[in-house]
Amino acid sequence: MNTVRLIEDGHFTPSKIIGVGLNYSEHIAEMKSKRSDEPVIFIKPNSALCRIYEPIAIPLHYGAVHHEIELAVLIGKAGFEISEDQAMDYVAGFGIALDLTLRDVQKRAKDQGRPWAIAKGFKNACPISDFFKKEQIQNPQNLELKLIVNGQLRQKGNTNQMLFKIPELIVYVSKFFPLEAGDILLTGTPSGVGPLQPGDMVEVEIESIANVQTKIVGWSHER
């Protein structure tokens, strides 16, 4: 099982990675979707994790692979049915994640009314940074996010644009899934998502957390 690193506190093994879809209004618009009254939740397996600092291998034979930069939340202790006033007590740290998506696969699944687990859970679908302790981040709900591909700005937003804020997400998710130490919550992406190709140089930055440059490479099902 893959692990993630909380700086100064060692490694955690997530039992699950919980994604949140459609949590920024402009992204909802670009996806031609509708705002939901409740958070849109999906799960990525632990095997989707990879280190964002190393070249990221994406599949080549399943259509477009889209980038989605997200603030990642590391859960620090177990909890179930967590109250909103205690939600941030369960957070250990914050990092940067890419929620990579097989967009063509996802669209076919949506059109057919089927689950889209494959589109979100394939190998290397969750490149992730180290996590920084929450005490180091003054206000996680007011951080600039930026993603640049080959020198071109693709995504730019602020975590204050989230429709469902971090405590609300923790409360909602923990109604259904007991959270374990090491679990990761992905909080949604701003607009500007788009395809990646082998050879692309990608720069991701979240204010007060990290700026990371990485390279996209390809893998095929024959490997």
Protein backbone atom coordinates (compact mmCIF):
# COMPACT_ATOMS: atom_id res chain seq x y z
CA MET A 1 0.00 0.00 0.00
CA ASN A 2 1.19 3.51 -0.78
CA THR A 3 2.09 5.97 1.94
CA VAL A 4 2.10 9.74 2.24
CA ARG A 5 4.42 11.91 4.30
CA LEU A 6 3.47 14.48 6.90
CA ILE A 7 6.59 16.61 7.29
CA GLU A 8 8.16 16.15 10.76
CA ASP A 9 5.63 13.45 11.71
CA GLY A 10 6.47 10.56 9.39
CA HIS A 11 4.39 8.49 7.00
CA PHE A 12 0.72 7.51 6.89
CA THR A 13 -1.02 4.80 4.88
CA PRO A 14 -4.40 6.05 3.68
CA SER A 15 -7.22 3.54 3.87
CA LYS A 16 -9.03 5.64 1.27
CA ILE A 17 -8.85 8.81 -0.79
CA ILE A 18 -12.15 10.67 -0.83
CA GLY A 19 -12.72 12.99 -3.77
CA VAL A 20 -15.21 15.84 -3.99
CA GLY A 21 -16.61 16.74 -7.38
CA LEU A 22 -18.20 19.99 -8.57
CA ASN A 23 -17.11 22.09 -5.60
CA TYR A 24 -16.25 25.25 -7.57
CA SER A 25 -18.94 27.13 -9.52
CA GLU A 26 -16.83 27.90 -12.59
CA HIS A 27 -15.77 24.26 -12.89
CA ILE A 28 -19.44 23.22 -12.72
CA ALA A 29 -20.10 25.60 -15.62
CA GLU A 30 -17.23 24.34 -17.77
CA MET A 31 -18.36 20.75 -17.22
CA LYS A 32 -21.94 21.73 -18.17
CA SER A 33 -23.13 20.26 -14.89
CA LYS A 34 -25.54 21.44 -12.21
CA ARG A 35 -24.80 22.41 -8.64
CA SER A 36 -25.77 19.73 -6.13
CA ASP A 37 -27.46 20.35 -2.79
CA GLU A 38 -24.98 17.93 -1.23
CA PRO A 39 -21.28 17.25 -1.88
CA VAL A 40 -20.59 14.94 -4.82
CA ILE A 41 -18.36 12.19 -3.42
CA PHE A 42 -16.22 9.52 -5.08
CA ILE A 43 -13.41 7.24 -3.91
CA LYS A 44 -9.93 6.67 -5.30
CA PRO A 45 -8.06 3.54 -4.20
CA ASN A 46 -4.79 3.76 -2.35
CA SER A 47 -3.11 2.30 -5.44
CA ALA A 48 -3.89 5.53 -7.35
CA LEU A 49 -1.34 7.43 -5.23
CA CYS A 50 2.01 8.48 -6.62
CA ARG A 51 4.55 11.12 -5.68
CA ILE A 52 4.02 14.39 -7.52
CA TYR A 53 7.76 15.15 -7.37
CA GLU A 54 8.59 12.30 -9.75
CA PRO A 55 7.63 11.95 -13.44
CA ILE A 56 3.93 11.08 -13.63
CA ALA A 57 3.10 8.19 -15.98
CA ILE A 58 -0.36 8.47 -17.56
CA PRO A 59 -2.20 5.88 -19.70
CA LEU A 60 -2.12 6.41 -23.46
CA HIS A 61 -4.92 4.20 -24.78
CA TYR A 62 -8.06 5.32 -22.94
CA GLY A 63 -8.62 8.84 -24.24
CA ALA A 64 -7.91 12.23 -22.67
CA VAL A 65 -6.29 12.46 -19.22
CA HIS A 66 -7.29 15.76 -17.60
CA HIS A 67 -5.51 17.61 -14.78
CA GLU A 68 -7.40 18.93 -11.75
CA ILE A 69 -5.37 20.72 -9.07
CA GLU A 70 -6.80 20.35 -5.56
CA LEU A 71 -6.09 21.18 -1.94
CA ALA A 72 -5.57 17.84 -0.19
CA VAL A 73 -6.50 17.39 3.47
CA LEU A 74 -4.75 14.73 5.56
CA ILE A 75 -6.88 13.23 8.33
CA GLY A 76 -4.91 12.82 11.55
CA LYS A 77 -7.16 10.64 13.71
CA ALA A 78 -10.11 8.30 13.46
CA GLY A 79 -13.62 9.67 13.63
CA PHE A 80 -17.22 8.95 12.65
CA GLU A 81 -20.23 11.28 12.53
CA ILE A 82 -17.98 14.24 13.27
CA SER A 83 -19.60 17.53 14.29
CA GLU A 84 -18.79 20.72 12.37
CA ASP A 85 -17.32 22.50 15.41
CA GLN A 86 -14.85 19.63 15.88
CA ALA A 87 -14.13 18.89 12.22
CA MET A 88 -10.81 20.75 11.97
CA ASP A 89 -9.53 18.87 15.04
CA TYR A 90 -9.35 15.80 12.79
CA VAL A 91 -7.08 17.50 10.23
CA ALA A 92 -3.35 16.78 10.46
CA GLY A 93 -2.11 18.74 7.47
CA PHE A 94 -2.52 20.07 3.95
CA GLY A 95 -0.88 19.26 0.63
CA ILE A 96 -1.26 19.49 -3.14
CA ALA A 97 -2.97 16.79 -5.19
CA LEU A 98 -3.76 16.27 -8.83
CA ASP A 99 -7.07 14.52 -9.37
CA LEU A 100 -6.23 13.03 -12.77
CA THR A 101 -9.31 11.99 -14.72
CA LEU A 102 -9.87 9.83 -17.79
CA ARG A 103 -12.34 12.32 -19.20
CA ASP A 104 -13.58 10.28 -22.17
CA VAL A 105 -14.10 7.25 -19.96
CA GLN A 106 -15.94 9.40 -17.42
CA LYS A 107 -18.20 10.94 -20.07
CA ARG A 108 -19.21 7.55 -21.46
CA ALA A 109 -19.99 6.33 -17.95
CA LYS A 110 -22.08 9.42 -17.19
CA ASP A 111 -23.95 9.15 -20.48
CA GLN A 112 -24.80 5.53 -19.70
CA GLY A 113 -25.71 6.20 -16.07
CA ARG A 114 -22.87 4.03 -14.83
CA PRO A 115 -20.27 4.56 -12.07
CA TRP A 116 -17.04 6.29 -13.09
CA ALA A 117 -14.64 4.63 -10.68
CA ILE A 118 -12.23 3.70 -13.47
CA ALA A 119 -12.05 7.30 -14.69
CA LYS A 120 -10.90 8.48 -11.26
CA GLY A 121 -9.11 5.46 -9.81
CA PHE A 122 -6.61 4.22 -12.40
CA LYS A 123 -2.89 3.77 -11.67
CA ASN A 124 -1.22 7.15 -10.87
CA ALA A 125 -4.58 8.97 -10.81
CA CYS A 126 -3.63 10.79 -7.61
CA PRO A 127 -0.17 12.43 -7.69
CA ILE A 128 0.35 14.03 -4.29
CA SER A 129 2.85 16.17 -2.42
CA ASP A 130 4.13 15.89 1.10
CA PHE A 131 1.76 17.34 3.69
CA PHE A 132 2.49 20.32 5.89
CA LYS A 133 1.14 20.49 9.42
CA LYS A 134 -2.10 22.43 9.70
CA GLU A 135 -0.52 24.78 12.26
CA GLN A 136 1.74 26.09 9.48
CA ILE A 137 -1.22 27.10 7.28
CA GLN A 138 -2.84 30.24 8.60
CA ASN A 139 -6.11 29.97 6.68
CA PRO A 140 -6.63 26.92 4.44
CA GLN A 141 -9.90 28.44 3.27
CA ASN A 142 -8.11 31.36 1.58
CA LEU A 143 -5.28 29.93 -0.53
CA GLU A 144 -4.46 30.63 -4.17
CA LEU A 145 -4.22 27.57 -6.44
CA LYS A 146 -2.38 27.60 -9.76
CA LEU A 147 -1.54 25.03 -12.43
CA ILE A 148 0.71 25.78 -15.42
CA VAL A 149 1.41 23.44 -18.37
CA ASN A 150 4.44 24.18 -20.57
CA GLY A 151 4.51 27.75 -19.33
CA GLN A 152 0.80 28.36 -20.00
CA LEU A 153 -1.54 29.11 -17.10
CA ARG A 154 -4.37 26.58 -17.17
CA GLN A 155 -5.99 26.74 -13.72
CA LYS A 156 -6.19 29.54 -11.18
CA GLY A 157 -8.52 29.84 -8.22
CA ASN A 158 -8.80 30.27 -4.49
CA THR A 159 -9.99 27.85 -1.84
CA ASN A 160 -12.42 30.54 -0.66
CA GLN A 161 -14.44 29.68 -3.80
CA MET A 162 -15.33 26.22 -2.51
CA LEU A 163 -19.10 25.72 -2.38
CA PHE A 164 -18.72 23.28 0.51
CA LYS A 165 -15.97 24.30 2.92
CA ILE A 166 -13.52 21.90 4.54
CA PRO A 167 -15.44 21.40 7.83
CA GLU A 168 -18.68 20.80 5.92
CA LEU A 169 -16.98 18.17 3.79
CA ILE A 170 -15.56 16.36 6.81
CA VAL A 171 -18.97 16.35 8.50
CA TYR A 172 -20.71 15.03 5.38
CA VAL A 173 -18.16 12.36 4.52
CA SER A 174 -17.95 11.09 8.10
CA LYS A 175 -21.70 10.43 8.14
CA PHE A 176 -21.05 7.52 5.80
CA PHE A 177 -17.36 6.60 6.00
CA PRO A 178 -15.52 6.20 9.30
CA LEU A 179 -12.38 8.27 8.80
CA GLU A 180 -9.01 6.76 9.68
CA ALA A 181 -5.68 8.43 10.38
CA GLY A 182 -3.96 8.88 7.05
CA ASP A 183 -7.11 9.19 4.95
CA ILE A 184 -7.01 11.95 2.33
CA LEU A 185 -9.80 14.33 1.37
CA LEU A 186 -9.57 16.03 -2.03
CA THR A 187 -11.59 19.24 -1.94
CA GLY A 188 -12.43 19.97 -5.58
CA THR A 189 -10.85 21.91 -8.42
CA PRO A 190 -11.29 25.36 -9.97
CA SER A 191 -12.02 25.84 -13.66
CA GLY A 192 -9.49 25.37 -16.46
CA VAL A 193 -9.15 21.59 -16.47
CA GLY A 194 -7.62 20.17 -19.62
CA PRO A 195 -5.64 17.34 -21.22
CA LEU A 196 -2.09 16.28 -20.47
CA GLN A 197 0.37 14.71 -22.91
CA PRO A 198 3.67 12.86 -22.44
CA GLY A 199 6.46 15.43 -22.42
CA ASP A 200 4.37 18.14 -20.76
CA MET A 201 6.02 20.08 -17.96
CA VAL A 202 3.54 20.84 -15.21
CA GLU A 203 3.91 23.38 -12.40
CA VAL A 204 1.47 23.23 -9.50
CA GLU A 205 1.31 25.69 -6.65
CA ILE A 206 -0.88 26.28 -3.63
CA GLU A 207 -0.09 29.38 -1.64
CA SER A 208 1.71 28.76 1.68
CA ILE A 209 2.06 25.04 0.90
CA ALA A 210 4.34 24.29 -2.04
CA ASN A 211 5.34 24.94 -5.63
CA VAL A 212 6.18 21.74 -7.50
CA GLN A 213 7.36 21.14 -11.06
CA THR A 214 6.93 17.71 -12.58
CA LYS A 215 6.95 15.96 -15.95
CA ILE A 216 4.32 13.86 -17.68
CA VAL A 217 5.36 10.57 -19.26
CA GLY A 218 3.27 7.82 -20.80
CA TRP A 219 2.56 4.18 -20.13
CA SER A 220 0.54 1.71 -22.16
CA HIS A 221 -1.38 -1.41 -21.22
CA GLU A 222 1.30 -3.46 -22.95
CA ARG A 223 3.89 -2.48 -20.30
